Each structure stands twice: as structure tokens, then as C-alpha cells.
């Protein structure tokens, strides 16, 4: 079963305990941390990637909605609060759901199921992990009912397998259900190049090429006839 990593950002110990208990009872959730304020949560997110935040609004130091606005690449967010007056602002910030305390387990599960539906509709996402001053873009893909992070710098090439794609990295390959054409639209064209109706390759991983094929990761990958002119203009004139 696919698991979603989550953190609880809550300054009331009892409310945090209730949410932690609900998370523990939900097989597809994995609690990573409890943060007593948004500043701590921001520091945590500098070094960790998570799928979901349970976020209180009235927090010390930095309020919940201001915290959301600081996030460049937001995880899914579920608001947990005792105040119903701020729901509209929450939905304007694209939160998944707005839970009023005291929160019942049934209402909690309804919100979690909304998260699952949104993830299923976006099986591949491009995000960035920031550590210090470095940004490392990566894909989040569904593989064998798990959410897997694949750094773009590790990708050698991506091959179409009908309705699936096989993402081949330096370490291993990952098969996920997603159209090649859609991932091609998301990837940085300066970093990746489509050379065939069935192949996208990482430009910096190309070891050698000629007018018919490129060599990537020890594999010879064909250049499609309709892609040849564009590919060779981007890579340069081959020797033969």
C-alpha cells in the first residue's frame, strides 16, 4: 500500500496527540515529525521531503497561512483549527481540506481520502529539495504502491512502455503508469531531449552519438527519423 509521509504542525499538545493517534490508525500514513511551531516546521522542511502537512492556523511566531505562503513547493496541506472563520482563505491557498476541532476520526479519513485522490490524478510530480543553498529537482512517482523520489540528475533515459514509462537511472529503473508525452512536457528541455517517439534522454549523460543513435549508460538508443534534424541540431554535427 502506498504510504504518505506527514508532519503535524500544532502547538497544543492534546490536539497534536489526537492527530498523531489518527495517523497511527491510518495504514497509508506515516508520521515523520510533530512541530510545535511553524518556524520549526520550516527548518524541518529544509532537510526533509514530506507529502502532507496537518497545519494549525493560530501558531506562535508565524501563523499558519503565512507559513503556507513561504513554501515554494508545497506538500498537500490539511488545516486543523478551532476557528471556522478562516476557511475561505484556506481554500484560496489551495489547501486540501479544512478540519474543525474537535476532529472526529471519520472526518479525518474524509480529508485523507481527498489527498489520495489528488495524488492519483497527478502520478508524476516535479519538485525541488532545498538543502542549504542547493536545489535538487526530483520526480515523485508511483511505483508498486509507493511514492518514490527520483533525482533528475540520476536519470539516464526514459523509455515508453505503452501506457507506462520506464525511468532508467544510474542505480536502477522504475516503471510507472504515465504517458511519455506528458512527462516530456514537464521536463526541462535544456536538460532532457526527446530523440524518438519512445525515448527521452538526459543530454549530459550522452557519451557518444552519430546520425542514427546515441549512447547513454552503455545502451545504444535510436534516433527517430522525425526527431533527427532537431536532435542533431541540438547535439552538433556527428562525424558519421
C-alpha atoms as a PDB file:
ATOM      1  CA  UNK A   1       0.000   0.000   0.000  1.00  0.00           C
ATOM      2  CA  UNK A   2       1.303   3.459  -0.922  1.00  0.00           C
ATOM      3  CA  UNK A   3       2.267   5.469   2.172  1.00  0.00           C
ATOM      4  CA  UNK A   4       2.187   9.236   2.589  1.00  0.00           C
ATOM      5  CA  UNK A   5       4.728  10.841   4.887  1.00  0.00           C
ATOM      6  CA  UNK A   6       3.278  13.605   7.041  1.00  0.00           C
ATOM      7  CA  UNK A   7       4.100  16.110   9.754  1.00  0.00           C
ATOM      8  CA  UNK A   8       1.816  17.690  12.348  1.00  0.00           C
ATOM      9  CA  UNK A   9       2.299  21.411  12.966  1.00  0.00           C
ATOM     10  CA  UNK A  10       0.404  22.083  16.187  1.00  0.00           C
ATOM     11  CA  UNK A  11       1.237  23.985  19.379  1.00  0.00           C
ATOM     12  CA  UNK A  12      -1.462  22.359  21.540  1.00  0.00           C
ATOM     13  CA  UNK A  13      -0.107  19.043  22.888  1.00  0.00           C
ATOM     14  CA  UNK A  14      -3.552  17.433  23.255  1.00  0.00           C
ATOM     15  CA  UNK A  15      -4.582  18.334  19.680  1.00  0.00           C
ATOM     16  CA  UNK A  16      -1.255  17.034  18.370  1.00  0.00           C
ATOM     17  CA  UNK A  17      -1.740  13.811  20.313  1.00  0.00           C
ATOM     18  CA  UNK A  18      -5.207  13.266  18.802  1.00  0.00           C
ATOM     19  CA  UNK A  19      -3.889  13.779  15.270  1.00  0.00           C
ATOM     20  CA  UNK A  20      -0.918  11.506  15.918  1.00  0.00           C
ATOM     21  CA  UNK A  21      -3.305   8.790  17.117  1.00  0.00           C
ATOM     22  CA  UNK A  22      -5.436   9.172  13.975  1.00  0.00           C
ATOM     23  CA  UNK A  23      -2.342   8.951  11.778  1.00  0.00           C
ATOM     24  CA  UNK A  24      -1.259   5.790  13.608  1.00  0.00           C
ATOM     25  CA  UNK A  25      -4.655   4.228  12.881  1.00  0.00           C
ATOM     26  CA  UNK A  26      -4.404   5.002   9.157  1.00  0.00           C
ATOM     27  CA  UNK A  27      -2.315   2.346   7.335  1.00  0.00           C
ATOM     28  CA  UNK A  28      -1.314   4.580   4.429  1.00  0.00           C
ATOM     29  CA  UNK A  29       0.019   7.445   6.589  1.00  0.00           C
ATOM     30  CA  UNK A  30       3.475   7.665   8.143  1.00  0.00           C
ATOM     31  CA  UNK A  31       4.136  10.361  10.717  1.00  0.00           C
ATOM     32  CA  UNK A  32       7.616  11.833  10.383  1.00  0.00           C
ATOM     33  CA  UNK A  33       7.541  14.645  12.942  1.00  0.00           C
ATOM     34  CA  UNK A  34       5.456  16.869  15.205  1.00  0.00           C
ATOM     35  CA  UNK A  35       6.397  20.559  15.088  1.00  0.00           C
ATOM     36  CA  UNK A  36       5.210  22.884  17.836  1.00  0.00           C
ATOM     37  CA  UNK A  37       5.531  25.982  15.658  1.00  0.00           C
ATOM     38  CA  UNK A  38       5.861  26.963  12.000  1.00  0.00           C
ATOM     39  CA  UNK A  39       9.481  28.113  12.326  1.00  0.00           C
ATOM     40  CA  UNK A  40      10.488  24.637  13.430  1.00  0.00           C
ATOM     41  CA  UNK A  41       8.429  23.190  10.564  1.00  0.00           C
ATOM     42  CA  UNK A  42      10.211  25.417   8.025  1.00  0.00           C
ATOM     43  CA  UNK A  43      13.591  24.254   9.315  1.00  0.00           C
ATOM     44  CA  UNK A  44      12.455  20.628   9.162  1.00  0.00           C
ATOM     45  CA  UNK A  45      11.291  21.001   5.554  1.00  0.00           C
ATOM     46  CA  UNK A  46      14.702  22.362   4.556  1.00  0.00           C
ATOM     47  CA  UNK A  47      16.113  18.888   5.109  1.00  0.00           C
ATOM     48  CA  UNK A  48      13.177  16.530   4.575  1.00  0.00           C
ATOM     49  CA  UNK A  49      10.608  15.899   1.863  1.00  0.00           C
ATOM     50  CA  UNK A  50       7.100  15.055   3.016  1.00  0.00           C
ATOM     51  CA  UNK A  51       3.763  14.511   1.282  1.00  0.00           C
ATOM     52  CA  UNK A  52       1.296  16.050   3.729  1.00  0.00           C
ATOM     53  CA  UNK A  53       1.090  18.672   6.489  1.00  0.00           C
ATOM     54  CA  UNK A  54      -1.590  18.856   9.175  1.00  0.00           C
ATOM     55  CA  UNK A  55      -1.462  22.552   9.970  1.00  0.00           C
ATOM     56  CA  UNK A  56      -3.000  24.623  12.758  1.00  0.00           C
ATOM     57  CA  UNK A  57      -3.708  28.273  11.907  1.00  0.00           C
ATOM     58  CA  UNK A  58      -3.054  30.047  15.205  1.00  0.00           C
ATOM     59  CA  UNK A  59       0.579  29.263  15.888  1.00  0.00           C
ATOM     60  CA  UNK A  60       3.208  31.218  17.840  1.00  0.00           C
ATOM     61  CA  UNK A  61       5.841  33.258  15.955  1.00  0.00           C
ATOM     62  CA  UNK A  62       4.439  32.570  12.461  1.00  0.00           C
ATOM     63  CA  UNK A  63       0.747  31.999  11.686  1.00  0.00           C
ATOM     64  CA  UNK A  64      -0.350  29.018   9.643  1.00  0.00           C
ATOM     65  CA  UNK A  65      -1.420  30.858   6.496  1.00  0.00           C
ATOM     66  CA  UNK A  66       1.732  32.983   6.486  1.00  0.00           C
ATOM     67  CA  UNK A  67       3.685  29.738   6.790  1.00  0.00           C
ATOM     68  CA  UNK A  68       1.908  28.358   3.698  1.00  0.00           C
ATOM     69  CA  UNK A  69       2.816  31.461   1.705  1.00  0.00           C
ATOM     70  CA  UNK A  70       6.513  30.937   2.438  1.00  0.00           C
ATOM     71  CA  UNK A  71       6.521  27.459   0.859  1.00  0.00           C
ATOM     72  CA  UNK A  72       7.777  27.379  -2.721  1.00  0.00           C
ATOM     73  CA  UNK A  73       6.967  23.709  -3.314  1.00  0.00           C
ATOM     74  CA  UNK A  74       4.044  22.860  -1.120  1.00  0.00           C
ATOM     75  CA  UNK A  75       3.122  19.425   0.094  1.00  0.00           C
ATOM     76  CA  UNK A  76      -0.579  18.669   0.416  1.00  0.00           C
ATOM     77  CA  UNK A  77      -1.972  20.678   3.343  1.00  0.00           C
ATOM     78  CA  UNK A  78      -4.922  19.960   5.633  1.00  0.00           C
ATOM     79  CA  UNK A  79      -5.901  22.761   8.010  1.00  0.00           C
ATOM     80  CA  UNK A  80      -6.796  21.770  11.598  1.00  0.00           C
ATOM     81  CA  UNK A  81      -8.313  24.574  13.661  1.00  0.00           C
ATOM     82  CA  UNK A  82     -10.961  25.584  16.154  1.00  0.00           C
ATOM     83  CA  UNK A  83     -11.901  28.634  14.063  1.00  0.00           C
ATOM     84  CA  UNK A  84     -14.367  28.312  11.191  1.00  0.00           C
ATOM     85  CA  UNK A  85     -13.965  31.921  10.010  1.00  0.00           C
ATOM     86  CA  UNK A  86     -10.774  31.296   8.035  1.00  0.00           C
ATOM     87  CA  UNK A  87     -11.968  28.512   5.750  1.00  0.00           C
ATOM     88  CA  UNK A  88     -12.328  30.679   2.625  1.00  0.00           C
ATOM     89  CA  UNK A  89      -8.768  31.962   2.911  1.00  0.00           C
ATOM     90  CA  UNK A  90      -7.580  28.386   3.280  1.00  0.00           C
ATOM     91  CA  UNK A  91      -9.260  27.257   0.087  1.00  0.00           C
ATOM     92  CA  UNK A  92      -7.856  30.316  -1.691  1.00  0.00           C
ATOM     93  CA  UNK A  93      -4.441  28.891  -0.759  1.00  0.00           C
ATOM     94  CA  UNK A  94      -5.447  25.510  -2.262  1.00  0.00           C
ATOM     95  CA  UNK A  95      -5.486  23.526   0.966  1.00  0.00           C
ATOM     96  CA  UNK A  96      -6.947  20.041   0.550  1.00  0.00           C
ATOM     97  CA  UNK A  97      -9.408  20.310   3.431  1.00  0.00           C
ATOM     98  CA  UNK A  98     -10.341  22.396   6.478  1.00  0.00           C
ATOM     99  CA  UNK A  99     -10.988  20.405   9.664  1.00  0.00           C
ATOM    100  CA  UNK A 100     -12.693  21.976  12.665  1.00  0.00           C
ATOM    101  CA  UNK A 101     -11.703  20.857  16.154  1.00  0.00           C
ATOM    102  CA  UNK A 102     -12.680  18.638  17.820  1.00  0.00           C
ATOM    103  CA  UNK A 103     -11.955  16.437  14.794  1.00  0.00           C
ATOM    104  CA  UNK A 104     -13.695  13.080  14.508  1.00  0.00           C
ATOM    105  CA  UNK A 105     -11.849  10.137  13.010  1.00  0.00           C
ATOM    106  CA  UNK A 106     -14.465   9.812  10.242  1.00  0.00           C
ATOM    107  CA  UNK A 107     -13.975  13.450   9.236  1.00  0.00           C
ATOM    108  CA  UNK A 108     -10.200  12.923   9.355  1.00  0.00           C
ATOM    109  CA  UNK A 109     -10.478   9.964   6.965  1.00  0.00           C
ATOM    110  CA  UNK A 110     -12.610  12.003   4.558  1.00  0.00           C
ATOM    111  CA  UNK A 111      -9.837  14.588   4.335  1.00  0.00           C
ATOM    112  CA  UNK A 112      -7.160  11.931   3.857  1.00  0.00           C
ATOM    113  CA  UNK A 113      -9.107  10.335   1.023  1.00  0.00           C
ATOM    114  CA  UNK A 114      -9.131  13.713  -0.730  1.00  0.00           C
ATOM    115  CA  UNK A 115      -5.335  13.682  -0.551  1.00  0.00           C
ATOM    116  CA  UNK A 116      -5.214  10.203  -2.090  1.00  0.00           C
ATOM    117  CA  UNK A 117      -7.470  11.259  -4.952  1.00  0.00           C
ATOM    118  CA  UNK A 118      -5.354  14.306  -5.756  1.00  0.00           C
ATOM    119  CA  UNK A 119      -2.152  12.239  -5.799  1.00  0.00           C
ATOM    120  CA  UNK A 120      -3.748   9.627  -8.068  1.00  0.00           C
ATOM    121  CA  UNK A 121      -4.695  12.377 -10.500  1.00  0.00           C
ATOM    122  CA  UNK A 122      -1.057  13.566 -10.549  1.00  0.00           C
ATOM    123  CA  UNK A 123       1.001  10.346 -10.589  1.00  0.00           C
ATOM    124  CA  UNK A 124       4.190  12.199 -11.526  1.00  0.00           C
ATOM    125  CA  UNK A 125       5.258  15.479  -9.962  1.00  0.00           C
ATOM    126  CA  UNK A 126       8.421  17.521 -10.335  1.00  0.00           C
ATOM    127  CA  UNK A 127       9.573  19.117  -7.080  1.00  0.00           C
ATOM    128  CA  UNK A 128      12.727  20.506  -5.520  1.00  0.00           C
ATOM    129  CA  UNK A 129      14.549  19.634  -2.334  1.00  0.00           C
ATOM    130  CA  UNK A 130      16.464  22.516  -0.821  1.00  0.00           C
ATOM    131  CA  UNK A 131      19.454  21.792   1.401  1.00  0.00           C
ATOM    132  CA  UNK A 132      21.371  24.914   2.354  1.00  0.00           C
ATOM    133  CA  UNK A 133      21.734  26.893  -0.867  1.00  0.00           C
ATOM    134  CA  UNK A 134      21.463  23.869  -3.205  1.00  0.00           C
ATOM    135  CA  UNK A 135      18.313  22.881  -5.045  1.00  0.00           C
ATOM    136  CA  UNK A 136      17.963  19.305  -6.302  1.00  0.00           C
ATOM    137  CA  UNK A 137      14.934  18.818  -8.578  1.00  0.00           C
ATOM    138  CA  UNK A 138      13.361  15.379  -8.495  1.00  0.00           C
ATOM    139  CA  UNK A 139      10.373  13.400  -9.716  1.00  0.00           C
ATOM    140  CA  UNK A 140       7.815  11.930  -7.330  1.00  0.00           C
ATOM    141  CA  UNK A 141       6.361   8.843  -8.995  1.00  0.00           C
ATOM    142  CA  UNK A 142       4.045   6.000  -8.031  1.00  0.00           C
ATOM    143  CA  UNK A 143       5.921   2.670  -8.146  1.00  0.00           C
ATOM    144  CA  UNK A 144       4.422  -0.539  -6.715  1.00  0.00           C
ATOM    145  CA  UNK A 145       2.005   1.384  -4.483  1.00  0.00           C
ATOM    146  CA  UNK A 146       4.784   3.548  -3.090  1.00  0.00           C
ATOM    147  CA  UNK A 147       5.731   7.175  -3.677  1.00  0.00           C
ATOM    148  CA  UNK A 148       9.326   7.165  -4.941  1.00  0.00           C
ATOM    149  CA  UNK A 149      11.650  10.146  -5.262  1.00  0.00           C
ATOM    150  CA  UNK A 150      13.952  10.118  -8.330  1.00  0.00           C
ATOM    151  CA  UNK A 151      16.503  12.906  -8.682  1.00  0.00           C
ATOM    152  CA  UNK A 152      16.677  14.316 -12.221  1.00  0.00           C
ATOM    153  CA  UNK A 153      20.484  14.292 -12.029  1.00  0.00           C
ATOM    154  CA  UNK A 154      20.375  10.476 -11.694  1.00  0.00           C
ATOM    155  CA  UNK A 155      18.204   9.840 -14.772  1.00  0.00           C
ATOM    156  CA  UNK A 156      19.892   8.354 -17.837  1.00  0.00           C
ATOM    157  CA  UNK A 157      16.863   7.985 -20.076  1.00  0.00           C
ATOM    158  CA  UNK A 158      13.103   7.392 -20.039  1.00  0.00           C
ATOM    159  CA  UNK A 159      11.524   4.761 -22.277  1.00  0.00           C
ATOM    160  CA  UNK A 160       7.873   4.430 -23.250  1.00  0.00           C
ATOM    161  CA  UNK A 161       6.256   1.068 -22.496  1.00  0.00           C
ATOM    162  CA  UNK A 162       2.761   1.616 -23.948  1.00  0.00           C
ATOM    163  CA  UNK A 163       0.774   3.291 -21.133  1.00  0.00           C
ATOM    164  CA  UNK A 164       3.810   3.033 -18.804  1.00  0.00           C
ATOM    165  CA  UNK A 165       7.228   4.665 -18.745  1.00  0.00           C
ATOM    166  CA  UNK A 166      10.479   3.083 -17.577  1.00  0.00           C
ATOM    167  CA  UNK A 167      12.708   5.653 -15.865  1.00  0.00           C
ATOM    168  CA  UNK A 168      16.281   4.363 -16.026  1.00  0.00           C
ATOM    169  CA  UNK A 169      18.721   5.882 -13.538  1.00  0.00           C
ATOM    170  CA  UNK A 170      22.358   5.314 -12.656  1.00  0.00           C
ATOM    171  CA  UNK A 171      21.270   2.998  -9.843  1.00  0.00           C
ATOM    172  CA  UNK A 172      18.165   1.207 -11.143  1.00  0.00           C
ATOM    173  CA  UNK A 173      14.983   1.575 -13.207  1.00  0.00           C
ATOM    174  CA  UNK A 174      11.422   2.477 -12.173  1.00  0.00           C
ATOM    175  CA  UNK A 175       8.247   1.501 -14.033  1.00  0.00           C
ATOM    176  CA  UNK A 176       5.281   3.820 -13.529  1.00  0.00           C
ATOM    177  CA  UNK A 177       1.998   4.386 -15.328  1.00  0.00           C
ATOM    178  CA  UNK A 178       2.313   7.699 -17.157  1.00  0.00           C
ATOM    179  CA  UNK A 179       2.360   8.851 -20.817  1.00  0.00           C
ATOM    180  CA  UNK A 180       5.794   9.702 -22.226  1.00  0.00           C
ATOM    181  CA  UNK A 181       4.390  12.777 -23.979  1.00  0.00           C
ATOM    182  CA  UNK A 182       3.142  14.291 -20.720  1.00  0.00           C
ATOM    183  CA  UNK A 183       6.404  13.854 -18.841  1.00  0.00           C
ATOM    184  CA  UNK A 184       8.226  15.288 -21.864  1.00  0.00           C
ATOM    185  CA  UNK A 185       6.200  18.492 -21.439  1.00  0.00           C
ATOM    186  CA  UNK A 186       7.211  18.756 -17.780  1.00  0.00           C
ATOM    187  CA  UNK A 187      10.950  18.158 -18.117  1.00  0.00           C
ATOM    188  CA  UNK A 188      13.496  20.930 -18.675  1.00  0.00           C
ATOM    189  CA  UNK A 189      14.280  20.965 -22.407  1.00  0.00           C
ATOM    190  CA  UNK A 190      17.784  22.194 -21.683  1.00  0.00           C
ATOM    191  CA  UNK A 191      18.410  19.099 -19.607  1.00  0.00           C
ATOM    192  CA  UNK A 192      16.440  16.405 -21.450  1.00  0.00           C
ATOM    193  CA  UNK A 193      15.850  15.771 -25.116  1.00  0.00           C
ATOM    194  CA  UNK A 194      13.315  13.562 -26.835  1.00  0.00           C
ATOM    195  CA  UNK A 195      15.121  11.638 -29.558  1.00  0.00           C
ATOM    196  CA  UNK A 196      12.478   9.076 -30.504  1.00  0.00           C
ATOM    197  CA  UNK A 197       8.741   8.585 -30.005  1.00  0.00           C
ATOM    198  CA  UNK A 198       9.710   6.044 -27.313  1.00  0.00           C
ATOM    199  CA  UNK A 199      12.787   7.691 -25.723  1.00  0.00           C
ATOM    200  CA  UNK A 200      13.787  10.788 -23.775  1.00  0.00           C
ATOM    201  CA  UNK A 201      17.471  11.020 -22.791  1.00  0.00           C
ATOM    202  CA  UNK A 202      19.435  13.198 -20.375  1.00  0.00           C
ATOM    203  CA  UNK A 203      21.696  15.381 -22.535  1.00  0.00           C
ATOM    204  CA  UNK A 204      24.571  15.409 -20.046  1.00  0.00           C
ATOM    205  CA  UNK A 205      24.541  11.585 -19.919  1.00  0.00           C
ATOM    206  CA  UNK A 206      25.113  11.153 -23.680  1.00  0.00           C
ATOM    207  CA  UNK A 207      28.576   9.608 -24.064  1.00  0.00           C
ATOM    208  CA  UNK A 208      28.633   9.402 -27.872  1.00  0.00           C
ATOM    209  CA  UNK A 209      26.299   9.790 -30.846  1.00  0.00           C
ATOM    210  CA  UNK A 210      26.031   9.611 -34.612  1.00  0.00           C
ATOM    211  CA  UNK A 211      23.231  10.327 -37.051  1.00  0.00           C
ATOM    212  CA  UNK A 212      21.394   7.124 -36.122  1.00  0.00           C
ATOM    213  CA  UNK A 213      21.769   6.658 -32.368  1.00  0.00           C
ATOM    214  CA  UNK A 214      23.097   7.937 -29.064  1.00  0.00           C
ATOM    215  CA  UNK A 215      24.987   6.078 -26.363  1.00  0.00           C
ATOM    216  CA  UNK A 216      23.647   6.551 -22.827  1.00  0.00           C
ATOM    217  CA  UNK A 217      24.615   4.417 -19.851  1.00  0.00           C
ATOM    218  CA  UNK A 218      26.180   1.829 -22.115  1.00  0.00           C
ATOM    219  CA  UNK A 219      22.964   1.488 -24.156  1.00  0.00           C
ATOM    220  CA  UNK A 220      22.580   2.360 -27.838  1.00  0.00           C
ATOM    221  CA  UNK A 221      19.327   4.281 -28.241  1.00  0.00           C
ATOM    222  CA  UNK A 222      17.962   5.016 -31.735  1.00  0.00           C
ATOM    223  CA  UNK A 223      17.218   8.485 -33.006  1.00  0.00           C
ATOM    224  CA  UNK A 224      13.768   8.570 -34.592  1.00  0.00           C
ATOM    225  CA  UNK A 225      13.526   9.725 -38.208  1.00  0.00           C
ATOM    226  CA  UNK A 226      11.155  12.586 -37.409  1.00  0.00           C
ATOM    227  CA  UNK A 227      13.372  13.730 -34.497  1.00  0.00           C
ATOM    228  CA  UNK A 228      16.734  13.510 -36.292  1.00  0.00           C
ATOM    229  CA  UNK A 229      17.008  17.069 -37.579  1.00  0.00           C
ATOM    230  CA  UNK A 230      16.145  18.635 -34.227  1.00  0.00           C
ATOM    231  CA  UNK A 231      18.323  16.245 -32.228  1.00  0.00           C
ATOM    232  CA  UNK A 232      21.402  16.711 -34.396  1.00  0.00           C
ATOM    233  CA  UNK A 233      20.971  20.482 -34.405  1.00  0.00           C
ATOM    234  CA  UNK A 234      20.968  20.417 -30.593  1.00  0.00           C
ATOM    235  CA  UNK A 235      23.832  17.955 -30.187  1.00  0.00           C
ATOM    236  CA  UNK A 236      26.037  19.179 -33.018  1.00  0.00           C
ATOM    237  CA  UNK A 237      27.290  17.603 -36.239  1.00  0.00           C
ATOM    238  CA  UNK A 238      28.289  13.946 -35.827  1.00  0.00           C
ATOM    239  CA  UNK A 239      31.368  12.567 -37.505  1.00  0.00           C
ATOM    240  CA  UNK A 240      29.376   9.922 -39.341  1.00  0.00           C
END
